[in-house]
Amino acid sequence: MRRRGKEDVRPELPKGLSPRTLKSMVECLKESASPLSAQEAADGVGVSRVTARRYLEFLVDTGEATVRSDYRDIGRPVNRYSLLQ
């Protein structure tokens, strides 16, 4: 019988999300000194911005990460993601 570890607590991943990519995204957020935008996370993991945003939003929805809007002088605000401690 297999023991359930911390990794098994996470709910089932939605269709299209990979456990390996999710782990890479979490590691990228852990290693960052400041909150990351979806583009910065995408560059760190090696996926597209849209793919990174799907994983980041999943982490927010499951309560593992937070998101805040970074408003600039012009243009659209940038969402910045960080892991909860």
N, C-alpha and C. Protein backbone atom coordinates (compact mmCIF):
# COMPACT_ATOMS: atom_id res chain seq x y z
N MET A 1 0.84 -1.19 0.00
CA MET A 1 0.00 0.00 0.00
C MET A 1 0.88 1.24 0.00
N ARG A 2 0.56 2.19 -0.80
CA ARG A 2 1.35 3.41 -0.93
C ARG A 2 0.90 4.44 0.09
N ARG A 3 1.86 5.08 0.72
CA ARG A 3 1.55 6.13 1.69
C ARG A 3 1.26 7.42 0.95
N ARG A 4 0.35 8.17 1.49
CA ARG A 4 0.01 9.46 0.90
C ARG A 4 0.93 10.52 1.48
N GLY A 5 1.69 11.16 0.62
CA GLY A 5 2.60 12.22 1.06
C GLY A 5 2.00 13.58 0.76
N LYS A 6 2.78 14.59 1.02
CA LYS A 6 2.33 15.96 0.80
C LYS A 6 1.95 16.19 -0.67
N GLU A 7 2.67 15.55 -1.58
CA GLU A 7 2.41 15.74 -3.01
C GLU A 7 1.03 15.21 -3.40
N ASP A 8 0.49 14.25 -2.64
CA ASP A 8 -0.79 13.65 -2.99
C ASP A 8 -1.98 14.45 -2.48
N VAL A 9 -1.75 15.51 -1.73
CA VAL A 9 -2.84 16.29 -1.15
C VAL A 9 -3.52 17.16 -2.20
N ARG A 10 -2.79 17.59 -3.21
CA ARG A 10 -3.30 18.46 -4.25
C ARG A 10 -4.48 17.79 -4.98
N PRO A 11 -5.53 18.54 -5.27
CA PRO A 11 -6.66 17.95 -5.98
C PRO A 11 -6.26 17.51 -7.38
N GLU A 12 -7.07 16.69 -7.99
CA GLU A 12 -6.79 16.21 -9.33
C GLU A 12 -6.62 17.38 -10.29
N LEU A 13 -5.64 17.27 -11.16
CA LEU A 13 -5.38 18.35 -12.12
C LEU A 13 -6.45 18.38 -13.20
N PRO A 14 -6.84 19.57 -13.61
CA PRO A 14 -7.78 19.68 -14.73
C PRO A 14 -7.16 19.12 -16.01
N LYS A 15 -7.99 18.78 -16.94
CA LYS A 15 -7.53 18.26 -18.22
C LYS A 15 -6.57 19.26 -18.86
N GLY A 16 -5.46 18.75 -19.35
CA GLY A 16 -4.49 19.59 -20.03
C GLY A 16 -3.34 20.07 -19.16
N LEU A 17 -3.43 19.89 -17.84
CA LEU A 17 -2.34 20.29 -16.95
C LEU A 17 -1.51 19.06 -16.60
N SER A 18 -0.20 19.24 -16.64
CA SER A 18 0.74 18.16 -16.39
C SER A 18 1.36 18.29 -14.99
N PRO A 19 1.45 17.20 -14.24
CA PRO A 19 2.08 17.27 -12.92
C PRO A 19 3.53 17.76 -12.99
N ARG A 20 4.25 17.36 -14.02
CA ARG A 20 5.65 17.75 -14.17
C ARG A 20 5.77 19.26 -14.40
N THR A 21 4.93 19.81 -15.27
CA THR A 21 4.98 21.25 -15.54
C THR A 21 4.53 22.03 -14.31
N LEU A 22 3.53 21.52 -13.61
CA LEU A 22 3.07 22.18 -12.39
C LEU A 22 4.19 22.23 -11.36
N LYS A 23 4.92 21.14 -11.21
CA LYS A 23 6.04 21.11 -10.27
C LYS A 23 7.10 22.14 -10.69
N SER A 24 7.38 22.23 -11.97
CA SER A 24 8.36 23.21 -12.47
C SER A 24 7.89 24.64 -12.19
N MET A 25 6.59 24.88 -12.34
CA MET A 25 6.04 26.21 -12.09
C MET A 25 6.17 26.57 -10.61
N VAL A 26 5.88 25.63 -9.74
CA VAL A 26 6.01 25.87 -8.29
C VAL A 26 7.47 26.16 -7.94
N GLU A 27 8.40 25.39 -8.50
CA GLU A 27 9.82 25.61 -8.24
C GLU A 27 10.26 26.99 -8.74
N CYS A 28 9.78 27.40 -9.90
CA CYS A 28 10.10 28.72 -10.45
C CYS A 28 9.63 29.82 -9.50
N LEU A 29 8.42 29.69 -8.98
CA LEU A 29 7.89 30.68 -8.04
C LEU A 29 8.68 30.68 -6.73
N LYS A 30 9.08 29.50 -6.27
CA LYS A 30 9.86 29.40 -5.02
C LYS A 30 11.21 30.09 -5.15
N GLU A 31 11.84 29.93 -6.30
CA GLU A 31 13.18 30.46 -6.51
C GLU A 31 13.20 31.97 -6.75
N SER A 32 12.05 32.54 -7.07
CA SER A 32 12.00 33.97 -7.37
C SER A 32 11.99 34.81 -6.10
N ALA A 33 12.76 35.87 -6.12
CA ALA A 33 12.83 36.77 -4.97
C ALA A 33 11.61 37.68 -4.88
N SER A 34 10.89 37.83 -5.98
CA SER A 34 9.71 38.70 -6.01
C SER A 34 8.60 38.03 -6.83
N PRO A 35 7.36 38.50 -6.69
CA PRO A 35 6.26 37.93 -7.47
C PRO A 35 6.53 38.01 -8.97
N LEU A 36 6.08 37.01 -9.72
CA LEU A 36 6.33 36.92 -11.15
C LEU A 36 5.07 37.18 -11.97
N SER A 37 5.26 37.78 -13.13
CA SER A 37 4.17 37.88 -14.10
C SER A 37 4.07 36.54 -14.83
N ALA A 38 3.01 36.33 -15.56
CA ALA A 38 2.86 35.09 -16.33
C ALA A 38 3.98 34.96 -17.34
N GLN A 39 4.40 36.06 -17.96
CA GLN A 39 5.48 36.01 -18.95
C GLN A 39 6.81 35.63 -18.30
N GLU A 40 7.09 36.20 -17.13
CA GLU A 40 8.32 35.87 -16.42
C GLU A 40 8.33 34.40 -16.00
N ALA A 41 7.20 33.91 -15.51
CA ALA A 41 7.10 32.50 -15.13
C ALA A 41 7.25 31.60 -16.36
N ALA A 42 6.64 32.00 -17.46
CA ALA A 42 6.74 31.24 -18.71
C ALA A 42 8.19 31.13 -19.16
N ASP A 43 8.90 32.24 -19.10
CA ASP A 43 10.31 32.25 -19.49
C ASP A 43 11.13 31.35 -18.56
N GLY A 44 10.80 31.35 -17.28
CA GLY A 44 11.54 30.53 -16.31
C GLY A 44 11.31 29.04 -16.47
N VAL A 45 10.11 28.67 -16.91
CA VAL A 45 9.77 27.25 -17.04
C VAL A 45 9.99 26.75 -18.46
N GLY A 46 9.90 27.65 -19.43
CA GLY A 46 10.05 27.25 -20.83
C GLY A 46 8.75 26.86 -21.50
N VAL A 47 7.67 27.55 -21.13
CA VAL A 47 6.36 27.32 -21.74
C VAL A 47 5.84 28.66 -22.26
N SER A 48 4.70 28.64 -22.93
CA SER A 48 4.11 29.88 -23.42
C SER A 48 3.48 30.67 -22.27
N ARG A 49 3.25 31.94 -22.49
CA ARG A 49 2.63 32.79 -21.46
C ARG A 49 1.24 32.28 -21.11
N VAL A 50 0.49 31.88 -22.11
CA VAL A 50 -0.88 31.39 -21.88
C VAL A 50 -0.85 30.11 -21.03
N THR A 51 0.08 29.22 -21.34
CA THR A 51 0.22 27.99 -20.55
C THR A 51 0.61 28.31 -19.11
N ALA A 52 1.56 29.21 -18.95
CA ALA A 52 1.98 29.60 -17.60
C ALA A 52 0.81 30.18 -16.83
N ARG A 53 0.01 31.01 -17.47
CA ARG A 53 -1.13 31.63 -16.79
C ARG A 53 -2.13 30.56 -16.33
N ARG A 54 -2.35 29.53 -17.12
CA ARG A 54 -3.27 28.45 -16.72
C ARG A 54 -2.77 27.76 -15.45
N TYR A 55 -1.49 27.48 -15.39
CA TYR A 55 -0.92 26.85 -14.19
C TYR A 55 -0.95 27.80 -13.00
N LEU A 56 -0.62 29.05 -13.22
CA LEU A 56 -0.63 30.04 -12.14
C LEU A 56 -2.04 30.23 -11.58
N GLU A 57 -3.02 30.32 -12.45
CA GLU A 57 -4.41 30.46 -12.01
C GLU A 57 -4.88 29.21 -11.26
N PHE A 58 -4.41 28.04 -11.68
CA PHE A 58 -4.74 26.81 -10.96
C PHE A 58 -4.19 26.89 -9.53
N LEU A 59 -2.95 27.36 -9.38
CA LEU A 59 -2.35 27.49 -8.05
C LEU A 59 -3.12 28.50 -7.20
N VAL A 60 -3.60 29.57 -7.81
CA VAL A 60 -4.40 30.56 -7.08
C VAL A 60 -5.73 29.92 -6.66
N ASP A 61 -6.38 29.21 -7.59
CA ASP A 61 -7.68 28.59 -7.30
C ASP A 61 -7.60 27.55 -6.19
N THR A 62 -6.45 26.87 -6.08
CA THR A 62 -6.30 25.84 -5.04
C THR A 62 -5.74 26.41 -3.75
N GLY A 63 -5.52 27.72 -3.70
CA GLY A 63 -5.06 28.37 -2.48
C GLY A 63 -3.57 28.23 -2.23
N GLU A 64 -2.80 27.84 -3.23
CA GLU A 64 -1.36 27.67 -3.07
C GLU A 64 -0.57 28.92 -3.45
N ALA A 65 -1.23 29.84 -4.16
CA ALA A 65 -0.56 31.07 -4.60
C ALA A 65 -1.52 32.24 -4.50
N THR A 66 -0.95 33.43 -4.56
CA THR A 66 -1.76 34.64 -4.57
C THR A 66 -1.44 35.42 -5.83
N VAL A 67 -2.36 36.29 -6.19
CA VAL A 67 -2.16 37.15 -7.36
C VAL A 67 -2.52 38.57 -6.95
N ARG A 68 -1.72 39.51 -7.44
CA ARG A 68 -2.03 40.92 -7.22
C ARG A 68 -1.80 41.65 -8.53
N SER A 69 -2.56 42.70 -8.74
CA SER A 69 -2.43 43.49 -9.96
C SER A 69 -1.41 44.60 -9.74
N ASP A 70 -0.50 44.72 -10.68
CA ASP A 70 0.53 45.76 -10.65
C ASP A 70 0.12 46.82 -11.68
N TYR A 71 -0.40 47.94 -11.17
CA TYR A 71 -0.87 49.00 -12.05
C TYR A 71 0.29 49.91 -12.43
N ARG A 72 0.40 50.17 -13.71
CA ARG A 72 1.44 51.05 -14.21
C ARG A 72 0.83 52.37 -14.63
N ASP A 73 1.68 53.31 -15.01
CA ASP A 73 1.19 54.62 -15.45
C ASP A 73 0.34 54.53 -16.71
N ILE A 74 0.74 53.65 -17.63
CA ILE A 74 -0.02 53.48 -18.87
C ILE A 74 -0.20 51.99 -19.16
N GLY A 75 -1.18 51.68 -19.95
CA GLY A 75 -1.39 50.28 -20.34
C GLY A 75 -2.16 49.47 -19.31
N ARG A 76 -2.24 48.21 -19.59
CA ARG A 76 -2.97 47.28 -18.73
C ARG A 76 -2.16 46.92 -17.50
N PRO A 77 -2.85 46.62 -16.40
CA PRO A 77 -2.11 46.14 -15.21
C PRO A 77 -1.53 44.75 -15.48
N VAL A 78 -0.46 44.42 -14.79
CA VAL A 78 0.18 43.11 -14.90
C VAL A 78 -0.13 42.33 -13.63
N ASN A 79 -0.66 41.11 -13.79
CA ASN A 79 -0.89 40.25 -12.63
C ASN A 79 0.43 39.63 -12.21
N ARG A 80 0.71 39.67 -10.91
CA ARG A 80 1.95 39.13 -10.36
C ARG A 80 1.58 38.02 -9.36
N TYR A 81 2.23 36.87 -9.50
CA TYR A 81 1.91 35.67 -8.74
C TYR A 81 3.04 35.32 -7.77
N SER A 82 2.65 34.87 -6.59
CA SER A 82 3.62 34.37 -5.62
C SER A 82 3.00 33.23 -4.82
N LEU A 83 3.85 32.33 -4.35
CA LEU A 83 3.37 31.21 -3.53
C LEU A 83 3.05 31.69 -2.14
N LEU A 84 2.07 31.06 -1.53
CA LEU A 84 1.76 31.33 -0.12
C LEU A 84 2.76 30.57 0.73
N GLN A 85 3.15 31.15 1.81
CA GLN A 85 4.15 30.52 2.69
C GLN A 85 3.49 29.55 3.64
